[in-house]
């Protein structure tokens, strides 16, 4: 990962539904990231959904073990 120079990080803007770079990024409350590539940023919401589903399944597993 290259931190020097502009465009080194990419973000997914939940307000504008687009990839943004260090040079033109919305406030932190509107973005996910940073990501090392534009493709990673573009897939951010999918990754969030996958993680949420995994965590919900884990919570359900734990709740089932306690009964």
C-alpha atoms as a PDB file:
ATOM      1  CA  UNK A   1       0.000   0.000   0.000  1.00  0.00           C
ATOM      2  CA  UNK A   2       1.343   3.375  -0.949  1.00  0.00           C
ATOM      3  CA  UNK A   3       0.636   6.233   1.474  1.00  0.00           C
ATOM      4  CA  UNK A   4       2.655   8.822  -0.412  1.00  0.00           C
ATOM      5  CA  UNK A   5       1.047  10.973  -3.073  1.00  0.00           C
ATOM      6  CA  UNK A   6      -2.592  11.690  -3.775  1.00  0.00           C
ATOM      7  CA  UNK A   7      -5.145   9.022  -4.473  1.00  0.00           C
ATOM      8  CA  UNK A   8      -3.475   6.503  -2.152  1.00  0.00           C
ATOM      9  CA  UNK A   9      -6.735   5.691  -0.392  1.00  0.00           C
ATOM     10  CA  UNK A  10     -10.238   5.088  -1.624  1.00  0.00           C
ATOM     11  CA  UNK A  11     -13.529   5.479   0.226  1.00  0.00           C
ATOM     12  CA  UNK A  12     -17.147   4.557  -0.399  1.00  0.00           C
ATOM     13  CA  UNK A  13     -19.398   7.571   0.128  1.00  0.00           C
ATOM     14  CA  UNK A  14     -22.777   6.510   1.533  1.00  0.00           C
ATOM     15  CA  UNK A  15     -24.185   9.945   0.748  1.00  0.00           C
ATOM     16  CA  UNK A  16     -23.248  10.102  -2.948  1.00  0.00           C
ATOM     17  CA  UNK A  17     -23.016   6.329  -3.610  1.00  0.00           C
ATOM     18  CA  UNK A  18     -19.624   6.588  -5.280  1.00  0.00           C
ATOM     19  CA  UNK A  19     -15.931   5.937  -4.771  1.00  0.00           C
ATOM     20  CA  UNK A  20     -13.972   8.936  -3.497  1.00  0.00           C
ATOM     21  CA  UNK A  21     -10.238   9.524  -3.044  1.00  0.00           C
ATOM     22  CA  UNK A  22      -8.120  11.377  -0.507  1.00  0.00           C
ATOM     23  CA  UNK A  23      -8.215  14.375  -2.856  1.00  0.00           C
ATOM     24  CA  UNK A  24     -12.016  14.641  -2.798  1.00  0.00           C
ATOM     25  CA  UNK A  25     -13.537  12.807   0.159  1.00  0.00           C
ATOM     26  CA  UNK A  26     -16.706  13.672   2.079  1.00  0.00           C
ATOM     27  CA  UNK A  27     -16.686  13.993   5.891  1.00  0.00           C
ATOM     28  CA  UNK A  28     -15.955  10.778   7.792  1.00  0.00           C
ATOM     29  CA  UNK A  29     -19.581  10.352   8.875  1.00  0.00           C
ATOM     30  CA  UNK A  30     -20.490   9.708   5.216  1.00  0.00           C
ATOM     31  CA  UNK A  31     -17.722   7.323   4.153  1.00  0.00           C
ATOM     32  CA  UNK A  32     -16.492   3.776   4.630  1.00  0.00           C
ATOM     33  CA  UNK A  33     -12.791   3.161   4.384  1.00  0.00           C
ATOM     34  CA  UNK A  34     -10.050   3.772   3.605  1.00  0.00           C
ATOM     35  CA  UNK A  35      -9.534   0.939   1.154  1.00  0.00           C
ATOM     36  CA  UNK A  36      -6.390   0.193  -0.864  1.00  0.00           C
ATOM     37  CA  UNK A  37      -8.191   0.161  -4.227  1.00  0.00           C
ATOM     38  CA  UNK A  38     -11.213   1.663  -5.933  1.00  0.00           C
ATOM     39  CA  UNK A  39     -12.628  -1.840  -6.440  1.00  0.00           C
ATOM     40  CA  UNK A  40     -12.417  -2.566  -2.708  1.00  0.00           C
ATOM     41  CA  UNK A  41     -14.199   0.699  -1.948  1.00  0.00           C
ATOM     42  CA  UNK A  42     -16.870  -0.031  -4.547  1.00  0.00           C
ATOM     43  CA  UNK A  43     -17.573  -3.381  -2.862  1.00  0.00           C
ATOM     44  CA  UNK A  44     -17.659  -1.911   0.656  1.00  0.00           C
ATOM     45  CA  UNK A  45     -21.421  -2.254   1.169  1.00  0.00           C
ATOM     46  CA  UNK A  46     -21.349  -5.880   0.048  1.00  0.00           C
ATOM     47  CA  UNK A  47     -18.550  -6.587   2.525  1.00  0.00           C
ATOM     48  CA  UNK A  48     -20.501  -4.848   5.310  1.00  0.00           C
ATOM     49  CA  UNK A  49     -23.569  -6.967   4.513  1.00  0.00           C
ATOM     50  CA  UNK A  50     -21.521 -10.187   4.518  1.00  0.00           C
ATOM     51  CA  UNK A  51     -19.963  -9.322   7.880  1.00  0.00           C
ATOM     52  CA  UNK A  52     -23.328  -8.383   9.393  1.00  0.00           C
ATOM     53  CA  UNK A  53     -24.838 -11.684   8.255  1.00  0.00           C
ATOM     54  CA  UNK A  54     -21.899 -13.607   9.731  1.00  0.00           C
ATOM     55  CA  UNK A  55     -22.193 -11.745  13.044  1.00  0.00           C
ATOM     56  CA  UNK A  56     -25.968 -12.322  13.172  1.00  0.00           C
ATOM     57  CA  UNK A  57     -25.446 -16.043  12.533  1.00  0.00           C
ATOM     58  CA  UNK A  58     -22.841 -16.139  15.294  1.00  0.00           C
ATOM     59  CA  UNK A  59     -25.209 -14.324  17.678  1.00  0.00           C
ATOM     60  CA  UNK A  60     -27.959 -16.831  16.849  1.00  0.00           C
ATOM     61  CA  UNK A  61     -25.559 -19.714  17.448  1.00  0.00           C
ATOM     62  CA  UNK A  62     -24.611 -18.311  20.840  1.00  0.00           C
ATOM     63  CA  UNK A  63     -28.260 -17.722  21.775  1.00  0.00           C
ATOM     64  CA  UNK A  64     -29.100 -21.329  20.827  1.00  0.00           C
ATOM     65  CA  UNK A  65     -26.294 -22.738  22.956  1.00  0.00           C
ATOM     66  CA  UNK A  66     -27.574 -20.966  26.057  1.00  0.00           C
ATOM     67  CA  UNK A  67     -31.001 -22.652  25.946  1.00  0.00           C
END
